[in-house]
Amino acid sequence: MASSPRTVLISGCSSGLGLELAVQLARDPRQRYQVVATMRDLGKKEALETAAGATLGKTLTVAQLDVCDDTSVAQCLGHIKGGDVDVLVNNAGMGLVGPLEGLSIATMQSVFDTNFFGAVRLVKAVLPGMKRRRQGHIVVVSSVMGLQGVMFNDVYAASKFALEGFFESLAIQLVQFNIFISLVEPGPVATDFEGKLLAQVSTAEFPGTDPDTLGYFRDLYLPASSQLFRSVGQSPRDVAQAIVKIIGAARPPLRKQTNARYVPLTALKALDPSGRLYVHTAHRLLFRWPRLLHFSLRCLACGCLPSQVQPQ
């Protein structure tokens, strides 16, 4: 006798990774999933509905959800049959790039409201049901920037570090309830959103920032970041495929990096627990040896450097 499909709630599905993941799960040939693909603004649902095709209204439904609003979360869950979520995918997020001096506290808080507290809000809503049923899976789209700091991504990295600490701590308790947590850690993901963000910040003023720092941002960081996306960036489809495998696993991992080509860039931190090796090497590559950095990125792109993913 076939088991009932698992209800999967995904946040942030208007574009990019969330859209791709929702469609891949809904198209599962064994129909193992009933996908609730959500977004804050339903005015942006056309792309998802078009991509969903024949699955729309069958194995995929679109719903409104603002992860920063308790009422919105409650209303969304209220429309799910039985109110039970088997798999929660925390994907909604926002980026923030730029010199710290030119960023307002209010803007920083909005990043944490979405990236961190938005995920916590959803977990608080679905966790009682998962505990009651003694089963569940919480997938969190984190980032390699939850493992290492990256220049001019201070606040975004901090929000991902917060996710890593919160969910690793929660995972210990949830083993007792047969509930799994998986932190998915992509490297650069090439989306229209990322391209637009880099284009916008390249001409932004960032008032209050000293000329030297602004020069480092525009002349060093932005070109290196653009090359990084071109060299080792993954497509949303590739990352979604990795998440589909994690959701389908009998014993899902706590952590999973999705981009093997990015691993050499995270290895430095693992090699030296003091952090000195990573900080000083990153500094030298950006400020003293930019040609070596560009050459290394080209090698990563063509597979010249070893990129074996270590077990998480």
Protein backbone atom coordinates (compact mmCIF):
# COMPACT_ATOMS: atom_id res chain seq x y z
CA MET A 1 0.00 0.00 0.00
CA ALA A 2 1.46 3.38 -1.04
CA SER A 3 2.22 5.82 1.76
CA SER A 4 0.52 9.21 1.85
CA PRO A 5 2.46 12.07 0.22
CA ARG A 6 4.51 14.22 2.57
CA THR A 7 3.41 17.84 2.89
CA VAL A 8 6.33 20.17 2.09
CA LEU A 9 6.07 23.88 2.94
CA ILE A 10 8.64 26.06 1.17
CA SER A 11 9.14 29.77 1.79
CA GLY A 12 10.43 32.22 -0.81
CA CYS A 13 9.18 30.58 -4.02
CA SER A 14 8.60 33.57 -6.29
CA SER A 15 11.89 32.99 -8.13
CA GLY A 16 15.29 31.32 -8.03
CA LEU A 17 15.99 28.39 -5.76
CA GLY A 18 12.58 28.30 -4.07
CA LEU A 19 10.74 28.18 -7.39
CA GLU A 20 13.04 25.48 -8.77
CA LEU A 21 12.80 23.33 -5.65
CA ALA A 22 9.00 23.55 -5.49
CA VAL A 23 8.67 22.44 -9.12
CA GLN A 24 11.16 19.58 -8.79
CA LEU A 25 9.40 18.15 -5.72
CA ALA A 26 5.94 18.56 -7.27
CA ARG A 27 7.08 16.66 -10.37
CA ASP A 28 8.34 13.67 -8.40
CA PRO A 29 7.15 10.69 -10.50
CA ARG A 30 6.10 8.73 -7.43
CA GLN A 31 4.07 11.71 -6.17
CA ARG A 32 5.69 11.48 -2.75
CA TYR A 33 5.18 15.17 -2.01
CA GLN A 34 2.34 17.66 -1.73
CA VAL A 35 4.10 21.00 -2.12
CA VAL A 36 2.86 24.26 -0.63
CA ALA A 37 4.97 26.88 -2.41
CA THR A 38 4.75 30.24 -0.67
CA MET A 39 5.77 33.82 -1.27
CA ARG A 40 5.18 37.18 0.40
CA ASP A 41 3.71 38.85 -2.70
CA LEU A 42 1.26 36.74 -4.70
CA GLY A 43 1.53 39.30 -7.48
CA LYS A 44 4.79 37.54 -8.36
CA LYS A 45 3.28 34.04 -8.66
CA GLU A 46 3.05 33.92 -12.47
CA ALA A 47 6.57 32.54 -13.00
CA LEU A 48 5.98 29.75 -10.49
CA GLU A 49 2.58 28.84 -11.89
CA THR A 50 3.98 28.73 -15.42
CA ALA A 51 6.88 26.52 -14.34
CA ALA A 52 4.55 24.24 -12.35
CA GLY A 53 2.54 23.35 -15.44
CA ALA A 54 0.30 20.32 -14.97
CA THR A 55 1.31 19.96 -11.29
CA LEU A 56 -0.46 23.21 -10.36
CA GLY A 57 -3.49 22.46 -8.23
CA LYS A 58 -2.52 18.79 -8.00
CA THR A 59 0.83 18.24 -6.27
CA LEU A 60 1.63 21.96 -5.99
CA THR A 61 -0.36 24.81 -4.52
CA VAL A 62 0.68 28.44 -4.21
CA ALA A 63 0.03 30.33 -0.97
CA GLN A 64 0.78 33.72 0.54
CA LEU A 65 3.29 33.77 3.38
CA ASP A 66 5.28 36.59 4.94
CA VAL A 67 7.82 34.99 7.27
CA CYS A 68 8.09 38.28 9.17
CA ASP A 69 4.40 38.27 10.16
CA ASP A 70 2.88 35.95 12.79
CA THR A 71 -0.64 36.39 11.39
CA SER A 72 0.48 35.51 7.88
CA VAL A 73 2.21 32.35 9.12
CA ALA A 74 -0.90 31.27 11.07
CA GLN A 75 -3.18 31.91 8.10
CA CYS A 76 -0.93 29.94 5.75
CA LEU A 77 -0.79 26.92 8.05
CA GLY A 78 -4.55 27.17 8.57
CA HIS A 79 -5.09 26.44 4.88
CA ILE A 80 -3.02 23.23 4.98
CA LYS A 81 -5.16 20.14 5.39
CA GLY A 82 -4.86 19.02 8.99
CA GLY A 83 -2.36 21.84 9.58
CA ASP A 84 0.48 19.32 9.53
CA VAL A 85 3.78 19.99 7.76
CA ASP A 86 6.09 17.02 7.25
CA VAL A 87 8.97 18.95 5.68
CA LEU A 88 9.64 22.65 6.22
CA VAL A 89 12.09 24.34 3.86
CA ASN A 90 13.25 27.74 5.13
CA ASN A 91 14.33 29.39 1.90
CA ALA A 92 13.08 32.99 2.16
CA GLY A 93 15.97 35.39 2.52
CA MET A 94 17.45 38.71 1.54
CA GLY A 95 20.98 39.83 0.77
CA LEU A 96 22.96 42.83 1.93
CA VAL A 97 26.32 43.87 0.52
CA GLY A 98 28.35 47.00 1.16
CA PRO A 99 30.64 48.91 3.52
CA LEU A 100 29.37 48.78 7.09
CA GLU A 101 29.56 52.55 7.59
CA GLY A 102 27.05 53.10 4.79
CA LEU A 103 24.42 50.65 6.06
CA SER A 104 21.68 51.68 8.47
CA ILE A 105 20.80 49.70 11.57
CA ALA A 106 17.22 49.47 10.27
CA THR A 107 18.44 47.79 7.08
CA MET A 108 20.54 45.35 9.09
CA GLN A 109 17.57 44.52 11.29
CA SER A 110 15.42 43.80 8.24
CA VAL A 111 17.98 41.23 7.07
CA PHE A 112 17.84 39.46 10.42
CA ASP A 113 14.03 39.72 10.52
CA THR A 114 13.84 37.74 7.27
CA ASN A 115 16.90 35.50 7.27
CA PHE A 116 16.96 34.53 10.95
CA PHE A 117 13.78 35.42 12.79
CA GLY A 118 11.67 34.47 9.75
CA ALA A 119 13.07 30.94 9.89
CA VAL A 120 12.63 30.78 13.67
CA ARG A 121 9.02 31.97 13.36
CA LEU A 122 8.17 29.17 10.92
CA VAL A 123 9.87 26.52 13.04
CA LYS A 124 7.96 27.62 16.13
CA ALA A 125 4.74 27.23 14.15
CA VAL A 126 5.32 23.73 12.77
CA LEU A 127 7.38 22.18 15.57
CA PRO A 128 4.54 21.30 17.98
CA GLY A 129 2.86 19.17 15.29
CA MET A 130 6.12 17.48 14.36
CA LYS A 131 6.84 16.67 18.01
CA ARG A 132 3.33 15.32 18.50
CA ARG A 133 3.70 13.00 15.48
CA ARG A 134 7.29 12.14 16.40
CA GLN A 135 8.53 12.85 12.89
CA GLY A 136 9.53 15.74 10.67
CA HIS A 137 12.32 17.35 8.68
CA ILE A 138 13.42 20.98 8.82
CA VAL A 139 15.60 22.11 5.91
CA VAL A 140 17.37 25.45 6.21
CA VAL A 141 18.94 27.18 3.23
CA SER A 142 22.04 28.53 4.91
CA SER A 143 25.25 29.44 3.06
CA VAL A 144 28.98 28.88 3.09
CA MET A 145 28.88 32.37 4.59
CA GLY A 146 27.39 30.71 7.64
CA LEU A 147 30.79 29.00 7.98
CA GLN A 148 33.18 31.80 7.05
CA GLY A 149 33.08 35.56 6.96
CA VAL A 150 33.36 37.33 3.60
CA MET A 151 34.42 40.95 3.24
CA PHE A 152 31.57 43.46 2.75
CA ASN A 153 29.01 40.72 3.56
CA ASP A 154 29.28 41.31 7.31
CA VAL A 155 25.55 41.45 8.12
CA TYR A 156 24.43 38.77 5.67
CA ALA A 157 27.13 36.39 6.95
CA ALA A 158 26.12 37.18 10.53
CA SER A 159 22.51 36.20 9.78
CA LYS A 160 23.69 32.87 8.35
CA PHE A 161 26.07 32.27 11.28
CA ALA A 162 23.06 32.80 13.54
CA LEU A 163 21.07 30.17 11.62
CA GLU A 164 23.92 27.70 11.93
CA GLY A 165 24.21 28.09 15.69
CA PHE A 166 20.47 28.09 16.32
CA PHE A 167 19.66 25.01 14.28
CA GLU A 168 22.69 23.00 15.38
CA SER A 169 21.61 23.62 18.98
CA LEU A 170 18.00 22.69 18.21
CA ALA A 171 19.05 19.53 16.35
CA ILE A 172 20.39 17.95 19.54
CA GLN A 173 16.99 18.15 21.22
CA LEU A 174 15.02 17.08 18.17
CA VAL A 175 16.83 13.77 17.76
CA GLN A 176 14.70 12.68 20.73
CA PHE A 177 11.55 13.37 18.66
CA ASN A 178 12.80 11.73 15.43
CA ILE A 179 12.93 15.15 13.76
CA PHE A 180 15.83 15.91 11.42
CA ILE A 181 17.45 19.26 10.69
CA SER A 182 19.50 19.84 7.55
CA LEU A 183 21.55 23.00 6.98
CA VAL A 184 22.14 23.31 3.23
CA GLU A 185 25.18 25.47 2.49
CA PRO A 186 25.44 26.62 -1.12
CA GLY A 187 28.28 28.74 -2.36
CA PRO A 188 27.50 31.41 -4.94
CA VAL A 189 24.18 30.75 -6.71
CA ALA A 190 23.77 32.52 -10.06
CA THR A 191 20.31 34.10 -10.08
CA ASP A 192 18.80 37.29 -11.50
CA PHE A 193 18.50 38.49 -7.90
CA GLU A 194 22.25 38.25 -7.31
CA GLY A 195 23.06 39.97 -10.59
CA LYS A 196 20.70 42.84 -9.87
CA LEU A 197 22.03 43.21 -6.33
CA LEU A 198 25.65 43.53 -7.48
CA ALA A 199 24.64 45.98 -10.21
CA GLN A 200 22.73 48.14 -7.72
CA VAL A 201 25.47 48.31 -5.11
CA SER A 202 28.12 49.11 -7.73
CA THR A 203 26.58 52.58 -8.14
CA ALA A 204 25.27 53.09 -4.60
CA GLU A 205 26.63 56.03 -2.60
CA PHE A 206 27.02 54.49 0.89
CA PRO A 207 27.12 57.84 2.75
CA GLY A 208 29.53 58.05 5.64
CA THR A 209 32.04 55.63 4.11
CA ASP A 210 35.64 56.79 3.82
CA PRO A 211 37.14 56.99 0.30
CA ASP A 212 39.65 54.16 0.87
CA THR A 213 36.98 51.68 1.99
CA LEU A 214 34.67 52.69 -0.85
CA GLY A 215 37.54 52.17 -3.28
CA TYR A 216 38.26 48.70 -1.89
CA PHE A 217 34.59 47.83 -2.27
CA ARG A 218 34.24 49.01 -5.86
CA ASP A 219 37.70 48.22 -7.22
CA LEU A 220 38.59 44.99 -5.38
CA TYR A 221 35.52 43.30 -3.93
CA LEU A 222 32.98 43.79 -6.73
CA PRO A 223 35.23 42.51 -9.57
CA ALA A 224 36.35 39.53 -7.46
CA SER A 225 32.76 38.76 -6.50
CA SER A 226 31.60 38.87 -10.11
CA GLN A 227 34.40 36.52 -11.14
CA LEU A 228 33.57 34.18 -8.27
CA PHE A 229 29.98 33.86 -9.48
CA ARG A 230 31.16 33.25 -13.04
CA SER A 231 33.80 30.72 -12.00
CA VAL A 232 32.16 28.56 -9.35
CA GLY A 233 28.55 29.72 -9.19
CA GLN A 234 25.87 27.02 -9.26
CA SER A 235 22.48 27.24 -10.91
CA PRO A 236 19.34 27.19 -8.74
CA ARG A 237 18.49 23.87 -10.40
CA ASP A 238 21.72 22.26 -9.18
CA VAL A 239 21.14 23.39 -5.60
CA ALA A 240 17.49 22.31 -5.75
CA GLN A 241 18.55 18.84 -6.89
CA ALA A 242 20.85 18.55 -3.88
CA ILE A 243 17.99 19.54 -1.55
CA VAL A 244 15.63 17.02 -3.18
CA LYS A 245 18.15 14.27 -2.38
CA ILE A 246 18.43 15.46 1.21
CA ILE A 247 14.65 15.49 1.66
CA GLY A 248 14.43 11.98 0.23
CA ALA A 249 17.22 10.57 2.43
CA ALA A 250 16.41 8.09 5.18
CA ARG A 251 19.01 9.71 7.47
CA PRO A 252 19.41 13.33 6.31
CA PRO A 253 22.71 15.07 7.16
CA LEU A 254 22.91 18.00 9.55
CA ARG A 255 25.12 19.90 7.10
CA LYS A 256 25.61 19.66 3.37
CA GLN A 257 27.69 21.90 1.14
CA THR A 258 26.30 21.75 -2.39
CA ASN A 259 29.23 23.08 -4.42
CA ALA A 260 32.34 20.89 -4.54
CA ARG A 261 34.27 23.57 -6.44
CA TYR A 262 33.89 25.98 -3.53
CA VAL A 263 35.34 23.59 -0.92
CA PRO A 264 38.97 24.76 -1.31
CA LEU A 265 37.80 28.24 -0.25
CA THR A 266 36.33 26.90 2.99
CA ALA A 267 39.22 24.52 3.72
CA LEU A 268 41.55 27.24 5.05
CA LYS A 269 39.32 27.91 8.03
CA ALA A 270 39.10 24.21 8.86
CA LEU A 271 42.88 23.84 8.69
CA ASP A 272 43.56 26.49 11.36
CA PRO A 273 41.05 26.72 14.25
CA SER A 274 42.60 30.03 15.35
CA GLY A 275 41.20 31.68 12.21
CA ARG A 276 44.45 33.45 11.43
CA LEU A 277 45.22 31.41 8.30
CA TYR A 278 41.87 32.15 6.64
CA VAL A 279 41.76 35.85 7.53
CA HIS A 280 45.33 36.59 6.45
CA THR A 281 45.16 34.50 3.28
CA ALA A 282 41.87 36.13 2.21
CA HIS A 283 43.34 39.55 2.95
CA ARG A 284 46.47 38.90 0.91
CA LEU A 285 44.53 37.49 -2.04
CA LEU A 286 42.28 40.53 -2.22
CA PHE A 287 44.70 43.33 -1.33
CA ARG A 288 48.16 42.07 -2.33
CA TRP A 289 47.80 39.19 -4.79
CA PRO A 290 44.65 39.88 -6.86
CA ARG A 291 46.19 38.22 -9.94
CA LEU A 292 46.73 35.02 -7.96
CA LEU A 293 43.12 35.20 -6.78
CA HIS A 294 41.84 35.51 -10.36
CA PHE A 295 44.09 32.62 -11.48
CA SER A 296 42.86 30.44 -8.60
CA LEU A 297 39.24 31.15 -9.49
CA ARG A 298 39.91 30.14 -13.09
CA CYS A 299 41.47 26.90 -11.85
CA LEU A 300 38.43 26.19 -9.68
CA ALA A 301 36.17 26.79 -12.65
CA CYS A 302 37.99 24.24 -14.82
CA GLY A 303 38.66 21.74 -12.02
CA CYS A 304 42.43 22.25 -11.80
CA LEU A 305 42.35 22.28 -8.01
CA PRO A 306 41.12 19.36 -5.86
CA SER A 307 37.50 19.79 -4.85
CA GLN A 308 36.43 16.65 -3.08
CA VAL A 309 33.55 17.33 -0.72
CA GLN A 310 34.29 15.95 2.71
CA PRO A 311 31.52 14.18 4.66
CA GLN A 312 29.48 16.62 6.71
